[in-house]
Amino acid sequence: MSALKPSRSFCGLRHGATDWNRQGLFQGRTDNPLNEDGLRQAHEAASMLRGAGISRIVASPLVRAARTAEIIADAIAVPLTIDEGIIEFDFGSFEGLPVRDLMIKHGVNSATGLVSILPADGENWHAMAERSLRCVSGWLDRYPGDHLLFVCHDAVMQGMANALSGSYFKNSHGTPFRYVHEDAQWRVEQIVT
């Protein structure tokens, strides 16, 4: 997958929370709106990103990500574009089911374990990471002078993190992270302003 690695650092942000997130359900492509917490998280992210130098936002078309991105783009006055390339992972028959219950049922307790039990009727995990990185790389190449923020989903962010750095990270709704490319290595770090 090295050919798909982006040429430079970029930022990512998981959308604000929805009711399904709060219930611990696999959400995938189900197009649920932000709840009150999610709207608050989007506004807090906008405040946090005011001085971060973001000059362009790209968002998933799902309403929870698109709305989060709209709130941020309006607050920091930057252009926003929707791109299907960072749409959430398709969890297939797991969609709408409790994450915790399925992890217990299958005896897994980590992100790596969770990836190992994904159903065959959903999207392929590695294909999702590849399409997401292809999308990000395309935007970075198209706008070499811009500091880009990709507003998307946990699975997309985790897939990219694992493909680039070899590990997963603790992700939270409305929390911005920087995917840092430095000395031929990648790491993911929370943006603190």
N, C-alpha and C. Protein backbone atom coordinates (compact mmCIF):
# COMPACT_ATOMS: atom_id res chain seq x y z
N MET A 1 0.81 -1.20 0.00
CA MET A 1 0.00 0.00 0.00
C MET A 1 0.85 1.26 0.00
N SER A 2 2.16 1.16 -0.04
CA SER A 2 3.03 2.33 0.06
C SER A 2 2.77 3.35 -1.04
N ALA A 3 2.33 2.92 -2.20
CA ALA A 3 2.04 3.85 -3.29
C ALA A 3 0.88 4.77 -2.95
N LEU A 4 0.02 4.34 -2.03
CA LEU A 4 -1.14 5.14 -1.66
C LEU A 4 -0.89 6.06 -0.47
N LYS A 5 0.30 6.00 0.11
CA LYS A 5 0.57 6.85 1.27
C LYS A 5 0.61 8.31 0.83
N PRO A 6 -0.07 9.17 1.56
CA PRO A 6 -0.07 10.59 1.21
C PRO A 6 1.35 11.18 1.24
N SER A 7 1.53 12.25 0.51
CA SER A 7 2.84 12.87 0.38
C SER A 7 3.21 13.76 1.56
N ARG A 8 2.21 14.10 2.38
CA ARG A 8 2.48 15.02 3.50
C ARG A 8 1.43 14.86 4.59
N SER A 9 1.65 15.57 5.68
CA SER A 9 0.75 15.50 6.83
C SER A 9 -0.62 16.09 6.50
N PHE A 10 -1.62 15.68 7.26
CA PHE A 10 -2.99 16.18 7.10
C PHE A 10 -3.73 15.99 8.42
N CYS A 11 -4.93 16.56 8.49
CA CYS A 11 -5.73 16.47 9.71
C CYS A 11 -7.01 15.68 9.47
N GLY A 12 -7.47 15.03 10.50
CA GLY A 12 -8.72 14.28 10.45
C GLY A 12 -9.54 14.53 11.69
N LEU A 13 -10.84 14.45 11.54
CA LEU A 13 -11.74 14.67 12.66
C LEU A 13 -12.94 13.75 12.51
N ARG A 14 -13.26 13.03 13.58
CA ARG A 14 -14.45 12.19 13.60
C ARG A 14 -15.65 13.08 13.84
N HIS A 15 -16.71 12.85 13.10
CA HIS A 15 -17.95 13.61 13.24
C HIS A 15 -18.43 13.66 14.68
N GLY A 16 -19.33 14.61 14.99
CA GLY A 16 -19.98 14.65 16.28
C GLY A 16 -20.87 13.43 16.47
N ALA A 17 -21.25 13.17 17.70
CA ALA A 17 -21.99 11.96 18.06
C ALA A 17 -23.44 11.96 17.56
N THR A 18 -23.94 10.75 17.37
CA THR A 18 -25.35 10.50 17.03
C THR A 18 -25.95 9.64 18.12
N ASP A 19 -27.24 9.43 18.07
CA ASP A 19 -27.89 8.55 19.04
C ASP A 19 -27.34 7.12 18.95
N TRP A 20 -27.09 6.64 17.73
CA TRP A 20 -26.54 5.29 17.58
C TRP A 20 -25.15 5.17 18.20
N ASN A 21 -24.33 6.24 18.09
CA ASN A 21 -23.03 6.22 18.75
C ASN A 21 -23.21 6.07 20.26
N ARG A 22 -24.12 6.83 20.81
CA ARG A 22 -24.36 6.79 22.26
C ARG A 22 -24.89 5.43 22.70
N GLN A 23 -25.61 4.75 21.81
CA GLN A 23 -26.14 3.41 22.12
C GLN A 23 -25.12 2.31 21.84
N GLY A 24 -23.97 2.68 21.29
CA GLY A 24 -22.92 1.70 21.02
C GLY A 24 -23.22 0.77 19.86
N LEU A 25 -23.92 1.27 18.85
CA LEU A 25 -24.31 0.46 17.70
C LEU A 25 -23.37 0.70 16.52
N PHE A 26 -23.14 -0.36 15.73
CA PHE A 26 -22.42 -0.19 14.47
C PHE A 26 -23.29 0.70 13.58
N GLN A 27 -22.76 1.81 13.13
CA GLN A 27 -23.54 2.76 12.36
C GLN A 27 -23.29 2.67 10.86
N GLY A 28 -22.04 2.52 10.48
CA GLY A 28 -21.71 2.34 9.08
C GLY A 28 -22.33 3.36 8.16
N ARG A 29 -23.01 2.88 7.13
CA ARG A 29 -23.58 3.75 6.10
C ARG A 29 -24.98 4.26 6.47
N THR A 30 -25.53 3.82 7.60
CA THR A 30 -26.83 4.35 8.03
C THR A 30 -26.65 5.85 8.28
N ASP A 31 -27.50 6.65 7.66
CA ASP A 31 -27.29 8.11 7.63
C ASP A 31 -28.02 8.81 8.78
N ASN A 32 -27.52 8.64 9.99
CA ASN A 32 -28.12 9.25 11.18
C ASN A 32 -27.61 10.66 11.40
N PRO A 33 -28.49 11.56 11.87
CA PRO A 33 -28.06 12.94 12.14
C PRO A 33 -27.33 13.06 13.47
N LEU A 34 -26.66 14.18 13.64
CA LEU A 34 -26.03 14.50 14.92
C LEU A 34 -27.11 14.66 15.98
N ASN A 35 -26.80 14.26 17.21
CA ASN A 35 -27.70 14.56 18.32
C ASN A 35 -27.21 15.86 18.99
N GLU A 36 -27.81 16.23 20.11
CA GLU A 36 -27.41 17.49 20.77
C GLU A 36 -25.95 17.47 21.17
N ASP A 37 -25.47 16.34 21.68
CA ASP A 37 -24.04 16.23 22.03
C ASP A 37 -23.19 16.42 20.78
N GLY A 38 -23.59 15.82 19.68
CA GLY A 38 -22.84 15.92 18.43
C GLY A 38 -22.75 17.34 17.91
N LEU A 39 -23.85 18.07 18.01
CA LEU A 39 -23.83 19.48 17.59
C LEU A 39 -22.89 20.30 18.47
N ARG A 40 -22.95 20.05 19.78
CA ARG A 40 -22.05 20.74 20.71
C ARG A 40 -20.59 20.40 20.39
N GLN A 41 -20.31 19.13 20.12
CA GLN A 41 -18.94 18.71 19.78
C GLN A 41 -18.45 19.38 18.50
N ALA A 42 -19.33 19.53 17.53
CA ALA A 42 -18.94 20.20 16.27
C ALA A 42 -18.58 21.66 16.54
N HIS A 43 -19.36 22.34 17.35
CA HIS A 43 -19.07 23.74 17.68
C HIS A 43 -17.78 23.86 18.50
N GLU A 44 -17.55 22.92 19.41
CA GLU A 44 -16.30 22.92 20.19
C GLU A 44 -15.09 22.67 19.29
N ALA A 45 -15.25 21.77 18.32
CA ALA A 45 -14.16 21.50 17.38
C ALA A 45 -13.86 22.75 16.57
N ALA A 46 -14.90 23.46 16.15
CA ALA A 46 -14.71 24.70 15.39
C ALA A 46 -13.90 25.71 16.20
N SER A 47 -14.23 25.85 17.47
CA SER A 47 -13.49 26.77 18.34
C SER A 47 -12.03 26.34 18.47
N MET A 48 -11.83 25.03 18.63
CA MET A 48 -10.49 24.49 18.79
C MET A 48 -9.64 24.70 17.53
N LEU A 49 -10.28 24.65 16.37
CA LEU A 49 -9.55 24.72 15.10
C LEU A 49 -9.37 26.13 14.57
N ARG A 50 -9.89 27.12 15.27
CA ARG A 50 -9.79 28.51 14.78
C ARG A 50 -8.37 28.93 14.49
N GLY A 51 -7.43 28.56 15.31
CA GLY A 51 -6.05 28.99 15.10
C GLY A 51 -5.15 27.91 14.55
N ALA A 52 -5.73 26.83 14.02
CA ALA A 52 -4.92 25.68 13.59
C ALA A 52 -4.43 25.79 12.15
N GLY A 53 -4.83 26.83 11.42
CA GLY A 53 -4.34 27.03 10.07
C GLY A 53 -5.02 26.19 9.00
N ILE A 54 -6.16 25.60 9.30
CA ILE A 54 -6.90 24.81 8.31
C ILE A 54 -7.35 25.76 7.20
N SER A 55 -7.12 25.38 5.94
CA SER A 55 -7.52 26.25 4.83
C SER A 55 -8.55 25.60 3.90
N ARG A 56 -8.84 24.31 4.11
CA ARG A 56 -9.82 23.63 3.27
C ARG A 56 -10.31 22.40 4.04
N ILE A 57 -11.63 22.11 3.91
CA ILE A 57 -12.22 20.94 4.57
C ILE A 57 -12.85 20.04 3.51
N VAL A 58 -12.62 18.74 3.66
CA VAL A 58 -13.25 17.72 2.83
C VAL A 58 -14.02 16.82 3.78
N ALA A 59 -15.27 16.51 3.44
CA ALA A 59 -16.11 15.72 4.34
C ALA A 59 -16.79 14.56 3.63
N SER A 60 -17.08 13.55 4.42
CA SER A 60 -17.91 12.43 3.98
C SER A 60 -19.31 12.95 3.66
N PRO A 61 -20.02 12.31 2.74
CA PRO A 61 -21.38 12.76 2.41
C PRO A 61 -22.43 12.40 3.46
N LEU A 62 -22.12 11.51 4.40
CA LEU A 62 -23.12 11.16 5.42
C LEU A 62 -23.40 12.38 6.29
N VAL A 63 -24.67 12.58 6.63
CA VAL A 63 -25.12 13.82 7.26
C VAL A 63 -24.38 14.12 8.56
N ARG A 64 -24.02 13.11 9.33
CA ARG A 64 -23.34 13.38 10.60
C ARG A 64 -21.97 14.01 10.37
N ALA A 65 -21.27 13.61 9.31
CA ALA A 65 -19.96 14.20 8.99
C ALA A 65 -20.13 15.53 8.25
N ALA A 66 -21.05 15.55 7.29
CA ALA A 66 -21.25 16.77 6.50
C ALA A 66 -21.69 17.93 7.39
N ARG A 67 -22.59 17.67 8.34
CA ARG A 67 -23.07 18.74 9.23
C ARG A 67 -21.95 19.21 10.16
N THR A 68 -21.17 18.27 10.69
CA THR A 68 -20.03 18.64 11.52
C THR A 68 -19.09 19.55 10.72
N ALA A 69 -18.80 19.16 9.49
CA ALA A 69 -17.90 19.93 8.63
C ALA A 69 -18.47 21.31 8.30
N GLU A 70 -19.78 21.38 8.06
CA GLU A 70 -20.42 22.68 7.77
C GLU A 70 -20.24 23.64 8.94
N ILE A 71 -20.46 23.14 10.14
CA ILE A 71 -20.33 23.99 11.34
C ILE A 71 -18.91 24.52 11.45
N ILE A 72 -17.93 23.66 11.23
CA ILE A 72 -16.53 24.07 11.33
C ILE A 72 -16.16 25.03 10.20
N ALA A 73 -16.54 24.68 8.97
CA ALA A 73 -16.22 25.52 7.81
C ALA A 73 -16.82 26.92 7.96
N ASP A 74 -18.06 27.00 8.43
CA ASP A 74 -18.69 28.31 8.64
C ASP A 74 -17.94 29.12 9.69
N ALA A 75 -17.54 28.46 10.77
CA ALA A 75 -16.87 29.16 11.87
C ALA A 75 -15.48 29.66 11.50
N ILE A 76 -14.75 28.89 10.69
CA ILE A 76 -13.39 29.31 10.36
C ILE A 76 -13.26 29.85 8.93
N ALA A 77 -14.40 29.96 8.25
CA ALA A 77 -14.49 30.59 6.92
C ALA A 77 -13.53 29.98 5.90
N VAL A 78 -13.68 28.67 5.69
CA VAL A 78 -12.89 27.97 4.68
C VAL A 78 -13.82 27.18 3.77
N PRO A 79 -13.38 26.86 2.55
CA PRO A 79 -14.22 26.07 1.65
C PRO A 79 -14.40 24.63 2.13
N LEU A 80 -15.57 24.09 1.83
CA LEU A 80 -15.93 22.73 2.19
C LEU A 80 -16.37 21.99 0.94
N THR A 81 -15.84 20.77 0.78
CA THR A 81 -16.23 19.91 -0.34
C THR A 81 -16.59 18.54 0.23
N ILE A 82 -17.61 17.93 -0.36
CA ILE A 82 -18.03 16.58 0.03
C ILE A 82 -17.36 15.58 -0.92
N ASP A 83 -16.85 14.48 -0.37
CA ASP A 83 -16.20 13.47 -1.19
C ASP A 83 -16.57 12.07 -0.69
N GLU A 84 -17.12 11.25 -1.58
CA GLU A 84 -17.51 9.87 -1.27
C GLU A 84 -16.33 9.00 -0.86
N GLY A 85 -15.13 9.41 -1.19
CA GLY A 85 -13.95 8.60 -0.91
C GLY A 85 -13.68 8.37 0.56
N ILE A 86 -14.27 9.23 1.43
CA ILE A 86 -14.07 9.06 2.87
C ILE A 86 -15.38 8.74 3.58
N ILE A 87 -16.35 8.17 2.83
CA ILE A 87 -17.60 7.72 3.45
C ILE A 87 -17.28 6.58 4.42
N GLU A 88 -18.13 6.40 5.42
CA GLU A 88 -17.88 5.39 6.44
C GLU A 88 -17.84 3.98 5.88
N PHE A 89 -17.14 3.12 6.59
CA PHE A 89 -17.03 1.69 6.29
C PHE A 89 -18.42 1.06 6.28
N ASP A 90 -18.65 0.15 5.36
CA ASP A 90 -19.91 -0.59 5.29
C ASP A 90 -19.77 -1.84 6.15
N PHE A 91 -20.47 -1.85 7.29
CA PHE A 91 -20.38 -2.96 8.24
C PHE A 91 -21.27 -4.14 7.87
N GLY A 92 -21.97 -4.07 6.74
CA GLY A 92 -22.79 -5.18 6.30
C GLY A 92 -23.82 -5.58 7.35
N SER A 93 -23.92 -6.87 7.65
CA SER A 93 -24.94 -7.38 8.58
C SER A 93 -24.69 -6.96 10.03
N PHE A 94 -23.55 -6.36 10.34
CA PHE A 94 -23.30 -5.84 11.69
C PHE A 94 -23.99 -4.49 11.92
N GLU A 95 -24.35 -3.81 10.84
CA GLU A 95 -24.91 -2.48 10.95
C GLU A 95 -26.17 -2.49 11.83
N GLY A 96 -26.22 -1.59 12.82
CA GLY A 96 -27.35 -1.48 13.73
C GLY A 96 -27.26 -2.39 14.94
N LEU A 97 -26.23 -3.25 14.99
CA LEU A 97 -26.07 -4.17 16.12
C LEU A 97 -25.11 -3.58 17.15
N PRO A 98 -25.22 -4.01 18.42
CA PRO A 98 -24.33 -3.49 19.47
C PRO A 98 -22.89 -3.97 19.30
N VAL A 99 -21.96 -3.04 19.25
CA VAL A 99 -20.54 -3.34 19.08
C VAL A 99 -20.06 -4.24 20.22
N ARG A 100 -20.33 -3.83 21.44
CA ARG A 100 -19.83 -4.56 22.62
C ARG A 100 -20.33 -6.00 22.63
N ASP A 101 -21.61 -6.21 22.36
CA ASP A 101 -22.17 -7.57 22.37
C ASP A 101 -21.47 -8.46 21.36
N LEU A 102 -21.21 -7.94 20.16
CA LEU A 102 -20.55 -8.75 19.13
C LEU A 102 -19.09 -9.03 19.50
N MET A 103 -18.43 -8.07 20.13
CA MET A 103 -17.05 -8.31 20.55
C MET A 103 -17.01 -9.39 21.63
N ILE A 104 -17.94 -9.35 22.58
CA ILE A 104 -18.00 -10.38 23.63
C ILE A 104 -18.31 -11.74 23.01
N LYS A 105 -19.31 -11.77 22.15
CA LYS A 105 -19.72 -13.02 21.50
C LYS A 105 -18.55 -13.69 20.76
N HIS A 106 -17.71 -12.86 20.11
CA HIS A 106 -16.61 -13.40 19.32
C HIS A 106 -15.28 -13.44 20.09
N GLY A 107 -15.32 -13.03 21.36
CA GLY A 107 -14.12 -13.10 22.20
C GLY A 107 -12.99 -12.17 21.81
N VAL A 108 -13.34 -10.97 21.31
CA VAL A 108 -12.30 -10.01 20.94
C VAL A 108 -12.40 -8.78 21.84
N ASN A 109 -11.26 -8.13 22.07
CA ASN A 109 -11.26 -6.97 22.97
C ASN A 109 -10.36 -5.84 22.48
N SER A 110 -10.12 -5.79 21.17
CA SER A 110 -9.26 -4.74 20.61
C SER A 110 -9.74 -4.39 19.21
N ALA A 111 -9.20 -3.29 18.70
CA ALA A 111 -9.54 -2.89 17.33
C ALA A 111 -9.09 -3.95 16.34
N THR A 112 -7.91 -4.52 16.56
CA THR A 112 -7.42 -5.58 15.66
C THR A 112 -8.36 -6.78 15.71
N GLY A 113 -8.82 -7.13 16.90
CA GLY A 113 -9.76 -8.23 17.05
C GLY A 113 -11.07 -7.93 16.35
N LEU A 114 -11.54 -6.71 16.50
CA LEU A 114 -12.79 -6.31 15.86
C LEU A 114 -12.69 -6.44 14.34
N VAL A 115 -11.59 -5.98 13.78
CA VAL A 115 -11.40 -6.08 12.33
C VAL A 115 -11.43 -7.55 11.89
N SER A 116 -10.94 -8.43 12.74
CA SER A 116 -10.87 -9.85 12.38
C SER A 116 -12.23 -10.54 12.33
N ILE A 117 -13.26 -9.94 12.93
CA ILE A 117 -14.59 -10.58 12.95
C ILE A 117 -15.60 -9.90 12.03
N LEU A 118 -15.16 -8.92 11.25
CA LEU A 118 -16.10 -8.21 10.38
C LEU A 118 -16.75 -9.17 9.39
N PRO A 119 -18.04 -8.98 9.11
CA PRO A 119 -18.75 -9.92 8.24
C PRO A 119 -18.35 -9.81 6.77
N ALA A 120 -18.45 -10.92 6.08
CA ALA A 120 -18.09 -10.97 4.65
C ALA A 120 -19.05 -10.18 3.78
N ASP A 121 -20.26 -9.88 4.28
CA ASP A 121 -21.23 -9.15 3.47
C ASP A 121 -21.05 -7.63 3.55
N GLY A 122 -20.01 -7.18 4.25
CA GLY A 122 -19.69 -5.76 4.32
C GLY A 122 -18.49 -5.45 3.45
N GLU A 123 -17.97 -4.26 3.63
CA GLU A 123 -16.80 -3.82 2.86
C GLU A 123 -15.54 -4.49 3.39
N ASN A 124 -14.56 -4.66 2.54
CA ASN A 124 -13.27 -5.18 2.95
C ASN A 124 -12.50 -4.08 3.67
N TRP A 125 -11.97 -4.37 4.86
CA TRP A 125 -11.29 -3.38 5.69
C TRP A 125 -10.11 -2.73 4.95
N HIS A 126 -9.28 -3.55 4.32
CA HIS A 126 -8.10 -3.01 3.64
C HIS A 126 -8.49 -2.19 2.41
N ALA A 127 -9.55 -2.60 1.73
CA ALA A 127 -10.04 -1.82 0.58
C ALA A 127 -10.55 -0.46 1.03
N MET A 128 -11.20 -0.42 2.21
CA MET A 128 -11.67 0.86 2.75
C MET A 128 -10.49 1.77 3.05
N ALA A 129 -9.46 1.22 3.68
CA ALA A 129 -8.28 2.04 3.99
C ALA A 129 -7.64 2.56 2.71
N GLU A 130 -7.56 1.70 1.69
CA GLU A 130 -6.97 2.12 0.40
C GLU A 130 -7.78 3.23 -0.26
N ARG A 131 -9.11 3.09 -0.29
CA ARG A 131 -9.92 4.13 -0.95
C ARG A 131 -9.83 5.44 -0.18
N SER A 132 -9.78 5.36 1.16
CA SER A 132 -9.68 6.57 1.98
C SER A 132 -8.34 7.27 1.75
N LEU A 133 -7.26 6.50 1.74
CA LEU A 133 -5.95 7.09 1.50
C LEU A 133 -5.81 7.63 0.08
N ARG A 134 -6.45 6.97 -0.87
CA ARG A 134 -6.45 7.47 -2.26
C ARG A 134 -7.16 8.83 -2.31
N CYS A 135 -8.27 8.93 -1.61
CA CYS A 135 -9.02 10.19 -1.56
C CYS A 135 -8.16 11.30 -0.94
N VAL A 136 -7.61 11.02 0.25
CA VAL A 136 -6.78 12.01 0.94
C VAL A 136 -5.60 12.42 0.08
N SER A 137 -4.91 11.44 -0.50
CA SER A 137 -3.74 11.73 -1.34
C SER A 137 -4.12 12.62 -2.52
N GLY A 138 -5.25 12.34 -3.14
CA GLY A 138 -5.71 13.15 -4.27
C GLY A 138 -5.92 14.60 -3.88
N TRP A 139 -6.56 14.82 -2.74
CA TRP A 139 -6.79 16.20 -2.28
C TRP A 139 -5.49 16.91 -1.92
N LEU A 140 -4.59 16.19 -1.25
CA LEU A 140 -3.30 16.80 -0.89
C LEU A 140 -2.50 17.16 -2.13
N ASP A 141 -2.54 16.31 -3.14
CA ASP A 141 -1.82 16.60 -4.39
C ASP A 141 -2.47 17.74 -5.17
N ARG A 142 -3.80 17.82 -5.13
CA ARG A 142 -4.53 18.85 -5.86
C ARG A 142 -4.35 20.23 -5.24
N TYR A 143 -4.18 20.27 -3.91
CA TYR A 143 -4.04 21.55 -3.20
C TYR A 143 -2.78 21.53 -2.34
N PRO A 144 -1.61 21.59 -2.98
CA PRO A 144 -0.35 21.44 -2.25
C PRO A 144 -0.07 22.55 -1.24
N GLY A 145 -0.67 23.70 -1.40
CA GLY A 145 -0.44 24.79 -0.47
C GLY A 145 -1.45 24.85 0.67
N ASP A 146 -2.44 23.99 0.64
CA ASP A 146 -3.50 24.04 1.66
C ASP A 146 -3.23 23.09 2.81
N HIS A 147 -3.72 23.48 3.97
CA HIS A 147 -3.69 22.64 5.17
C HIS A 147 -5.09 22.04 5.28
N LEU A 148 -5.21 20.74 4.97
CA LEU A 148 -6.52 20.11 4.84
C LEU A 148 -6.98 19.38 6.10
N LEU A 149 -8.30 19.47 6.33
CA LEU A 149 -8.98 18.72 7.38
C LEU A 149 -9.99 17.81 6.71
N PHE A 150 -9.95 16.52 7.04
CA PHE A 150 -10.90 15.54 6.52
C PHE A 150 -11.84 15.17 7.65
N VAL A 151 -13.13 15.52 7.48
CA VAL A 151 -14.14 15.23 8.50
C VAL A 151 -14.85 13.95 8.07
N CYS A 152 -14.65 12.91 8.85
CA CYS A 152 -15.16 11.61 8.41
C CYS A 152 -15.59 10.76 9.59
N HIS A 153 -15.11 9.54 9.68
CA HIS A 153 -15.66 8.54 10.59
C HIS A 153 -14.54 7.76 11.27
N ASP A 154 -14.88 7.13 12.38
CA ASP A 154 -13.88 6.40 13.16
C ASP A 154 -13.22 5.29 12.34
N ALA A 155 -14.00 4.45 11.67
CA ALA A 155 -13.40 3.35 10.92
C ALA A 155 -12.45 3.87 9.84
N VAL A 156 -12.84 4.92 9.15
CA VAL A 156 -11.99 5.51 8.11
C VAL A 156 -10.69 6.03 8.73
N MET A 157 -10.81 6.75 9.83
CA MET A 157 -9.62 7.30 10.48
C MET A 157 -8.73 6.19 11.02
N GLN A 158 -9.34 5.16 11.60
CA GLN A 158 -8.55 4.04 12.14
C GLN A 158 -7.88 3.26 11.03
N GLY A 159 -8.61 3.02 9.93
CA GLY A 159 -8.03 2.30 8.80
C GLY A 159 -6.82 3.03 8.23
N MET A 160 -6.95 4.36 8.10
CA MET A 160 -5.82 5.14 7.59
C MET A 160 -4.66 5.12 8.58
N ALA A 161 -4.95 5.27 9.87
CA ALA A 161 -3.90 5.28 10.89
C ALA A 161 -3.13 3.96 10.88
N ASN A 162 -3.86 2.86 10.82
CA ASN A 162 -3.20 1.56 10.84
C ASN A 162 -2.38 1.34 9.57
N ALA A 163 -2.91 1.76 8.42
CA ALA A 163 -2.17 1.59 7.16
C ALA A 163 -0.90 2.44 7.15
N LEU A 164 -0.95 3.61 7.74
CA LEU A 164 0.20 4.52 7.72
C LEU A 164 1.20 4.25 8.84
N SER A 165 0.70 4.04 10.06
CA SER A 165 1.60 3.94 11.22
C SER A 165 1.71 2.54 11.80
N GLY A 166 0.82 1.64 11.37
CA GLY A 166 0.85 0.28 11.90
C GLY A 166 0.10 0.11 13.19
N SER A 167 -0.66 1.13 13.60
CA SER A 167 -1.41 1.00 14.85
C SER A 167 -2.71 1.82 14.80
N TYR A 168 -3.58 1.51 15.75
CA TYR A 168 -4.83 2.24 15.92
C TYR A 168 -4.64 3.26 17.05
N PHE A 169 -5.61 4.13 17.25
CA PHE A 169 -5.50 5.16 18.30
C PHE A 169 -6.87 5.39 18.93
N LYS A 170 -6.88 6.03 20.10
CA LYS A 170 -8.13 6.35 20.78
C LYS A 170 -8.72 7.59 20.13
N ASN A 171 -9.85 7.41 19.49
CA ASN A 171 -10.50 8.49 18.74
C ASN A 171 -11.76 8.91 19.48
N SER A 172 -12.06 10.19 19.49
CA SER A 172 -13.26 10.72 20.14
C SER A 172 -14.01 11.61 19.17
N HIS A 173 -15.31 11.69 19.36
CA HIS A 173 -16.14 12.54 18.51
C HIS A 173 -15.73 14.00 18.63
N GLY A 174 -15.57 14.65 17.47
CA GLY A 174 -15.28 16.08 17.45
C GLY A 174 -13.88 16.45 17.91
N THR A 175 -12.99 15.48 17.98
CA THR A 175 -11.61 15.76 18.41
C THR A 175 -10.69 15.72 17.19
N PRO A 176 -10.01 16.82 16.90
CA PRO A 176 -9.13 16.85 15.73
C PRO A 176 -7.79 16.15 15.99
N PHE A 177 -7.35 15.42 14.98
CA PHE A 177 -6.06 14.74 15.03
C PHE A 177 -5.25 15.12 13.81
N ARG A 178 -3.94 15.07 13.97
CA ARG A 178 -3.03 15.32 12.86
C ARG A 178 -2.32 14.01 12.54
N TYR A 179 -2.37 13.63 11.26
CA TYR A 179 -1.60 12.49 10.76
C TYR A 179 -0.27 13.08 10.31
N VAL A 180 0.76 12.85 11.11
CA VAL A 180 2.04 13.53 10.92
C VAL A 180 3.01 12.63 10.15
N HIS A 181 3.53 13.18 9.04
CA HIS A 181 4.56 12.49 8.26
C HIS A 181 5.87 13.21 8.52
N GLU A 182 6.79 12.51 9.19
CA GLU A 182 8.04 13.13 9.59
C GLU A 182 9.14 12.07 9.60
N ASP A 183 10.27 12.36 9.01
CA ASP A 183 11.40 11.43 8.96
C ASP A 183 10.99 10.06 8.42
N ALA A 184 10.20 10.07 7.34
CA ALA A 184 9.74 8.85 6.66
C ALA A 184 8.86 7.96 7.54
N GLN A 185 8.35 8.51 8.63
CA GLN A 185 7.46 7.77 9.54
C GLN A 185 6.14 8.52 9.67
N TRP A 186 5.08 7.78 10.03
CA TRP A 186 3.78 8.37 10.28
C TRP A 186 3.39 8.15 11.74
N ARG A 187 2.71 9.15 12.31
CA ARG A 187 2.12 9.01 13.64
C ARG A 187 0.84 9.85 13.66
N VAL A 188 -0.04 9.52 14.58
CA VAL A 188 -1.28 10.27 14.74
C VAL A 188 -1.24 10.92 16.11
N GLU A 189 -1.48 12.24 16.13
CA GLU A 189 -1.47 12.97 17.40
C GLU A 189 -2.66 13.91 17.48
N GLN A 190 -3.16 14.06 18.68
CA GLN A 190 -4.29 14.96 18.89
C GLN A 190 -3.83 16.40 18.72
N ILE A 191 -4.66 17.22 18.09
CA ILE A 191 -4.36 18.64 17.94
C ILE A 191 -4.79 19.34 19.22
N VAL A 192 -3.86 20.01 19.85
CA VAL A 192 -4.14 20.74 21.08
C VAL A 192 -3.83 22.21 20.80
N THR A 193 -4.83 23.07 21.05
CA THR A 193 -4.61 24.50 20.80
C THR A 193 -4.70 25.29 22.07
